[in-house]
Amino acid sequence: MSRIFLMVVVILGMVFVDESNGLSCVPCEQDKCASPKCPVRQQIKDLCDCCDICGQRIGKPCSGFNQCVNGLLCIKIDGNEATSRLKLFWDDTFTGVCGILSTQSRNRG
């Protein structure tokens, strides 16, 4: 009895996984978008490039699901090295903190 039940569960699971859209985007219906609760300058498009959402500000964590406000980078610091990304995708494993990178040259003389 338990083997048959297990087989049925596995087969149904395979069917549902095959038929699901996962994290794919559906056609955009902007009239169904919620109004973001942040100033316009902090709004970015969602992962499907449809609705406006609130982007992460300087010092806030960022990832594929938590994008930085336009103009900020997602920065990961490891020791003396900094790696940054301007745009992340939903399946990107990169995580960091939103910020600005600048280089300074020192004149010694």
N, C-alpha and C. Protein backbone atom coordinates (compact mmCIF):
# COMPACT_ATOMS: atom_id res chain seq x y z
N MET A 1 0.83 -1.20 0.00
CA MET A 1 0.00 0.00 0.00
C MET A 1 0.86 1.25 0.00
N SER A 2 1.89 1.28 0.86
CA SER A 2 2.71 2.50 0.95
C SER A 2 3.54 2.72 -0.30
N ARG A 3 3.92 1.64 -1.02
CA ARG A 3 4.67 1.80 -2.27
C ARG A 3 3.80 2.44 -3.35
N ILE A 4 2.58 2.02 -3.44
CA ILE A 4 1.66 2.60 -4.43
C ILE A 4 1.43 4.07 -4.13
N PHE A 5 1.21 4.38 -2.87
CA PHE A 5 1.01 5.78 -2.47
C PHE A 5 2.23 6.62 -2.83
N LEU A 6 3.42 6.11 -2.55
CA LEU A 6 4.65 6.82 -2.85
C LEU A 6 4.80 7.04 -4.35
N MET A 7 4.48 6.04 -5.15
CA MET A 7 4.57 6.18 -6.61
C MET A 7 3.59 7.23 -7.11
N VAL A 8 2.38 7.23 -6.58
CA VAL A 8 1.39 8.23 -6.99
C VAL A 8 1.87 9.63 -6.64
N VAL A 9 2.43 9.81 -5.45
CA VAL A 9 2.94 11.12 -5.03
C VAL A 9 4.07 11.57 -5.95
N VAL A 10 4.98 10.68 -6.27
CA VAL A 10 6.10 11.03 -7.15
C VAL A 10 5.60 11.41 -8.54
N ILE A 11 4.68 10.64 -9.09
CA ILE A 11 4.15 10.92 -10.43
C ILE A 11 3.41 12.25 -10.43
N LEU A 12 2.57 12.50 -9.44
CA LEU A 12 1.85 13.77 -9.37
C LEU A 12 2.82 14.94 -9.21
N GLY A 13 3.86 14.74 -8.42
CA GLY A 13 4.86 15.78 -8.25
C GLY A 13 5.55 16.12 -9.56
N MET A 14 5.86 15.11 -10.35
CA MET A 14 6.51 15.34 -11.64
C MET A 14 5.57 16.08 -12.59
N VAL A 15 4.30 15.75 -12.57
CA VAL A 15 3.32 16.42 -13.43
C VAL A 15 3.20 17.89 -13.05
N PHE A 16 3.07 18.17 -11.74
CA PHE A 16 2.90 19.55 -11.31
C PHE A 16 4.15 20.38 -11.56
N VAL A 17 5.32 19.83 -11.37
CA VAL A 17 6.56 20.56 -11.63
C VAL A 17 6.67 20.86 -13.12
N ASP A 18 6.31 19.89 -13.95
CA ASP A 18 6.40 20.07 -15.40
C ASP A 18 5.41 21.12 -15.89
N GLU A 19 4.23 21.20 -15.28
CA GLU A 19 3.19 22.12 -15.73
C GLU A 19 3.30 23.51 -15.11
N SER A 20 4.10 23.66 -14.08
CA SER A 20 4.15 24.96 -13.41
C SER A 20 5.02 25.93 -14.19
N ASN A 21 4.77 27.21 -14.00
CA ASN A 21 5.57 28.24 -14.64
C ASN A 21 6.73 28.68 -13.77
N GLY A 22 6.81 28.17 -12.55
CA GLY A 22 7.90 28.56 -11.66
C GLY A 22 7.89 30.06 -11.45
N LEU A 23 9.04 30.68 -11.69
CA LEU A 23 9.16 32.12 -11.51
C LEU A 23 9.11 32.87 -12.83
N SER A 24 8.45 32.30 -13.83
CA SER A 24 8.35 32.99 -15.11
C SER A 24 7.34 34.13 -15.01
N CYS A 25 7.51 35.11 -15.86
CA CYS A 25 6.64 36.29 -15.84
C CYS A 25 5.38 36.04 -16.67
N VAL A 26 4.28 36.55 -16.19
CA VAL A 26 3.02 36.50 -16.92
C VAL A 26 2.85 37.84 -17.64
N PRO A 27 1.95 37.93 -18.60
CA PRO A 27 1.75 39.22 -19.27
C PRO A 27 1.45 40.32 -18.26
N CYS A 28 2.05 41.47 -18.47
CA CYS A 28 1.93 42.59 -17.53
C CYS A 28 0.54 43.21 -17.56
N GLU A 29 -0.03 43.38 -16.38
CA GLU A 29 -1.30 44.08 -16.23
C GLU A 29 -1.08 45.17 -15.19
N GLN A 30 -0.59 46.33 -15.64
CA GLN A 30 -0.22 47.40 -14.72
C GLN A 30 -1.36 47.89 -13.86
N ASP A 31 -2.60 47.71 -14.30
CA ASP A 31 -3.74 48.16 -13.49
C ASP A 31 -3.90 47.29 -12.23
N LYS A 32 -3.22 46.13 -12.19
CA LYS A 32 -3.27 45.27 -11.01
C LYS A 32 -2.06 45.47 -10.09
N CYS A 33 -1.16 46.36 -10.47
CA CYS A 33 0.03 46.62 -9.66
C CYS A 33 -0.34 47.41 -8.40
N ALA A 34 0.24 47.02 -7.29
CA ALA A 34 0.05 47.77 -6.04
C ALA A 34 0.87 49.06 -6.11
N SER A 35 0.41 50.08 -5.44
CA SER A 35 1.12 51.36 -5.41
C SER A 35 2.26 51.28 -4.39
N PRO A 36 3.52 51.50 -4.82
CA PRO A 36 4.64 51.41 -3.87
C PRO A 36 4.54 52.47 -2.79
N LYS A 37 4.97 52.13 -1.60
CA LYS A 37 4.91 53.05 -0.47
C LYS A 37 6.28 53.68 -0.22
N CYS A 38 6.84 54.28 -1.27
CA CYS A 38 8.13 54.96 -1.17
C CYS A 38 8.13 56.11 -2.18
N PRO A 39 9.03 57.08 -2.00
CA PRO A 39 9.10 58.19 -2.96
C PRO A 39 9.42 57.69 -4.37
N VAL A 40 9.00 58.44 -5.37
CA VAL A 40 9.20 58.06 -6.77
C VAL A 40 10.67 57.80 -7.07
N ARG A 41 11.58 58.57 -6.50
CA ARG A 41 13.02 58.40 -6.80
C ARG A 41 13.57 57.08 -6.26
N GLN A 42 12.83 56.41 -5.38
CA GLN A 42 13.26 55.13 -4.84
C GLN A 42 12.56 53.95 -5.51
N GLN A 43 11.76 54.22 -6.53
CA GLN A 43 11.01 53.16 -7.19
C GLN A 43 11.80 52.58 -8.37
N ILE A 44 11.71 51.26 -8.50
CA ILE A 44 12.30 50.54 -9.61
C ILE A 44 11.25 49.58 -10.16
N LYS A 45 11.53 48.97 -11.29
CA LYS A 45 10.60 47.97 -11.84
C LYS A 45 10.84 46.62 -11.17
N ASP A 46 9.79 45.83 -11.06
CA ASP A 46 9.92 44.49 -10.47
C ASP A 46 10.70 43.57 -11.40
N LEU A 47 10.88 42.32 -11.00
CA LEU A 47 11.68 41.37 -11.77
C LEU A 47 11.13 41.12 -13.16
N CYS A 48 9.84 41.31 -13.36
CA CYS A 48 9.22 41.11 -14.67
C CYS A 48 9.14 42.41 -15.47
N ASP A 49 9.71 43.48 -14.94
CA ASP A 49 9.73 44.79 -15.59
C ASP A 49 8.31 45.30 -15.86
N CYS A 50 7.41 45.07 -14.90
CA CYS A 50 6.01 45.46 -15.06
C CYS A 50 5.62 46.52 -14.04
N CYS A 51 5.63 46.15 -12.77
CA CYS A 51 5.15 47.03 -11.71
C CYS A 51 6.28 47.81 -11.06
N ASP A 52 5.96 49.00 -10.57
CA ASP A 52 6.92 49.77 -9.78
C ASP A 52 6.93 49.21 -8.35
N ILE A 53 8.13 49.03 -7.82
CA ILE A 53 8.30 48.57 -6.44
C ILE A 53 9.35 49.46 -5.78
N CYS A 54 9.51 49.36 -4.49
CA CYS A 54 10.52 50.13 -3.77
C CYS A 54 11.87 49.41 -3.86
N GLY A 55 12.88 50.12 -4.32
CA GLY A 55 14.23 49.58 -4.39
C GLY A 55 14.93 49.74 -3.05
N GLN A 56 15.99 48.97 -2.86
CA GLN A 56 16.78 49.05 -1.64
C GLN A 56 17.67 50.29 -1.67
N ARG A 57 17.83 50.93 -0.51
CA ARG A 57 18.63 52.15 -0.41
C ARG A 57 20.05 51.82 0.07
N ILE A 58 20.89 52.83 0.14
CA ILE A 58 22.27 52.66 0.58
C ILE A 58 22.31 51.97 1.94
N GLY A 59 23.16 50.95 2.04
CA GLY A 59 23.35 50.22 3.29
C GLY A 59 22.38 49.08 3.50
N LYS A 60 21.40 48.93 2.62
CA LYS A 60 20.42 47.84 2.75
C LYS A 60 20.89 46.62 1.97
N PRO A 61 20.53 45.41 2.43
CA PRO A 61 20.94 44.20 1.72
C PRO A 61 20.33 44.12 0.33
N CYS A 62 21.09 43.53 -0.59
CA CYS A 62 20.60 43.38 -1.96
C CYS A 62 20.87 41.96 -2.47
N SER A 63 20.03 41.54 -3.40
CA SER A 63 20.13 40.23 -4.02
C SER A 63 19.26 40.25 -5.27
N GLY A 64 19.07 39.09 -5.88
CA GLY A 64 18.19 39.01 -7.05
C GLY A 64 16.77 39.46 -6.75
N PHE A 65 16.31 39.24 -5.52
CA PHE A 65 14.96 39.63 -5.15
C PHE A 65 14.88 41.00 -4.49
N ASN A 66 16.00 41.53 -4.06
CA ASN A 66 16.05 42.84 -3.40
C ASN A 66 17.01 43.75 -4.16
N GLN A 67 16.52 44.33 -5.25
CA GLN A 67 17.34 45.16 -6.11
C GLN A 67 17.56 46.53 -5.49
N CYS A 68 18.71 47.12 -5.82
CA CYS A 68 19.03 48.47 -5.33
C CYS A 68 18.29 49.52 -6.14
N VAL A 69 18.12 50.68 -5.53
CA VAL A 69 17.56 51.84 -6.22
C VAL A 69 18.43 52.14 -7.43
N ASN A 70 17.83 52.65 -8.49
CA ASN A 70 18.59 52.99 -9.70
C ASN A 70 19.80 53.85 -9.37
N GLY A 71 20.94 53.47 -9.92
CA GLY A 71 22.18 54.21 -9.71
C GLY A 71 23.06 53.63 -8.62
N LEU A 72 22.51 52.75 -7.77
CA LEU A 72 23.31 52.12 -6.73
C LEU A 72 23.76 50.73 -7.19
N LEU A 73 24.88 50.31 -6.68
CA LEU A 73 25.42 48.99 -6.98
C LEU A 73 25.14 48.05 -5.82
N CYS A 74 25.04 46.77 -6.11
CA CYS A 74 25.00 45.75 -5.07
C CYS A 74 26.46 45.34 -4.87
N ILE A 75 27.00 45.62 -3.70
CA ILE A 75 28.43 45.47 -3.45
C ILE A 75 28.67 44.38 -2.40
N LYS A 76 29.59 43.49 -2.73
CA LYS A 76 30.02 42.45 -1.80
C LYS A 76 31.49 42.72 -1.48
N ILE A 77 31.80 42.84 -0.21
CA ILE A 77 33.18 43.09 0.20
C ILE A 77 33.72 41.85 0.89
N ASP A 78 34.86 41.40 0.41
CA ASP A 78 35.52 40.22 0.97
C ASP A 78 36.98 40.60 1.23
N GLY A 79 37.27 40.92 2.48
CA GLY A 79 38.63 41.36 2.81
C GLY A 79 38.92 42.71 2.16
N ASN A 80 39.94 42.74 1.32
CA ASN A 80 40.30 43.98 0.62
C ASN A 80 39.71 44.06 -0.78
N GLU A 81 38.89 43.10 -1.16
CA GLU A 81 38.30 43.09 -2.50
C GLU A 81 36.82 43.43 -2.44
N ALA A 82 36.39 44.21 -3.43
CA ALA A 82 34.97 44.54 -3.56
C ALA A 82 34.51 44.10 -4.94
N THR A 83 33.40 43.39 -4.97
CA THR A 83 32.77 42.97 -6.21
C THR A 83 31.40 43.64 -6.26
N SER A 84 31.02 44.12 -7.43
CA SER A 84 29.73 44.81 -7.50
C SER A 84 28.96 44.40 -8.75
N ARG A 85 27.66 44.56 -8.67
CA ARG A 85 26.76 44.30 -9.79
C ARG A 85 25.73 45.41 -9.83
N LEU A 86 25.45 45.88 -11.03
CA LEU A 86 24.43 46.92 -11.19
C LEU A 86 23.03 46.31 -11.26
N LYS A 87 22.91 45.19 -11.94
CA LYS A 87 21.61 44.53 -12.10
C LYS A 87 21.77 43.06 -11.77
N LEU A 88 20.87 42.53 -10.97
CA LEU A 88 20.87 41.12 -10.62
C LEU A 88 19.63 40.46 -11.18
N PHE A 89 19.72 39.19 -11.44
CA PHE A 89 18.57 38.43 -11.92
C PHE A 89 18.02 37.58 -10.78
N TRP A 90 16.77 37.14 -10.88
CA TRP A 90 16.11 36.44 -9.79
C TRP A 90 16.87 35.20 -9.34
N ASP A 91 17.57 34.53 -10.27
CA ASP A 91 18.27 33.30 -9.90
C ASP A 91 19.74 33.53 -9.55
N ASP A 92 20.15 34.78 -9.45
CA ASP A 92 21.53 35.12 -9.12
C ASP A 92 21.77 34.88 -7.63
N THR A 93 22.86 34.22 -7.30
CA THR A 93 23.16 33.94 -5.89
C THR A 93 24.00 35.05 -5.26
N PHE A 94 24.34 36.07 -6.03
CA PHE A 94 25.13 37.19 -5.53
C PHE A 94 24.32 37.96 -4.48
N THR A 95 24.91 38.24 -3.35
CA THR A 95 24.27 39.06 -2.32
C THR A 95 25.28 40.09 -1.83
N GLY A 96 24.79 41.21 -1.40
CA GLY A 96 25.67 42.26 -0.90
C GLY A 96 24.89 43.35 -0.21
N VAL A 97 25.43 44.56 -0.31
CA VAL A 97 24.81 45.74 0.29
C VAL A 97 24.78 46.83 -0.77
N CYS A 98 23.68 47.56 -0.84
CA CYS A 98 23.57 48.64 -1.82
C CYS A 98 24.50 49.79 -1.46
N GLY A 99 25.17 50.33 -2.47
CA GLY A 99 26.07 51.44 -2.21
C GLY A 99 26.67 52.01 -3.49
N ILE A 100 27.66 52.85 -3.30
CA ILE A 100 28.38 53.53 -4.40
C ILE A 100 29.85 53.19 -4.24
N LEU A 101 30.48 52.83 -5.34
CA LEU A 101 31.93 52.59 -5.33
C LEU A 101 32.63 53.78 -5.98
N SER A 102 33.70 54.21 -5.38
CA SER A 102 34.52 55.25 -6.00
C SER A 102 35.98 54.90 -5.74
N THR A 103 36.81 55.37 -6.61
CA THR A 103 38.25 55.15 -6.42
C THR A 103 38.91 56.48 -6.13
N GLN A 104 39.87 56.44 -5.28
CA GLN A 104 40.61 57.66 -4.94
C GLN A 104 42.07 57.44 -5.29
N SER A 105 42.65 58.42 -5.94
CA SER A 105 44.08 58.32 -6.20
C SER A 105 44.79 59.25 -5.23
N ARG A 106 45.88 58.78 -4.72
CA ARG A 106 46.64 59.57 -3.78
C ARG A 106 47.91 60.05 -4.46
N ASN A 107 48.09 61.33 -4.43
CA ASN A 107 49.32 61.89 -4.95
C ASN A 107 50.36 61.90 -3.85
N ARG A 108 51.43 61.23 -4.11
CA ARG A 108 52.53 61.24 -3.13
C ARG A 108 53.68 62.03 -3.73
N GLY A 109 54.03 63.01 -3.12
CA GLY A 109 55.12 63.77 -3.72
C GLY A 109 55.60 64.87 -2.94
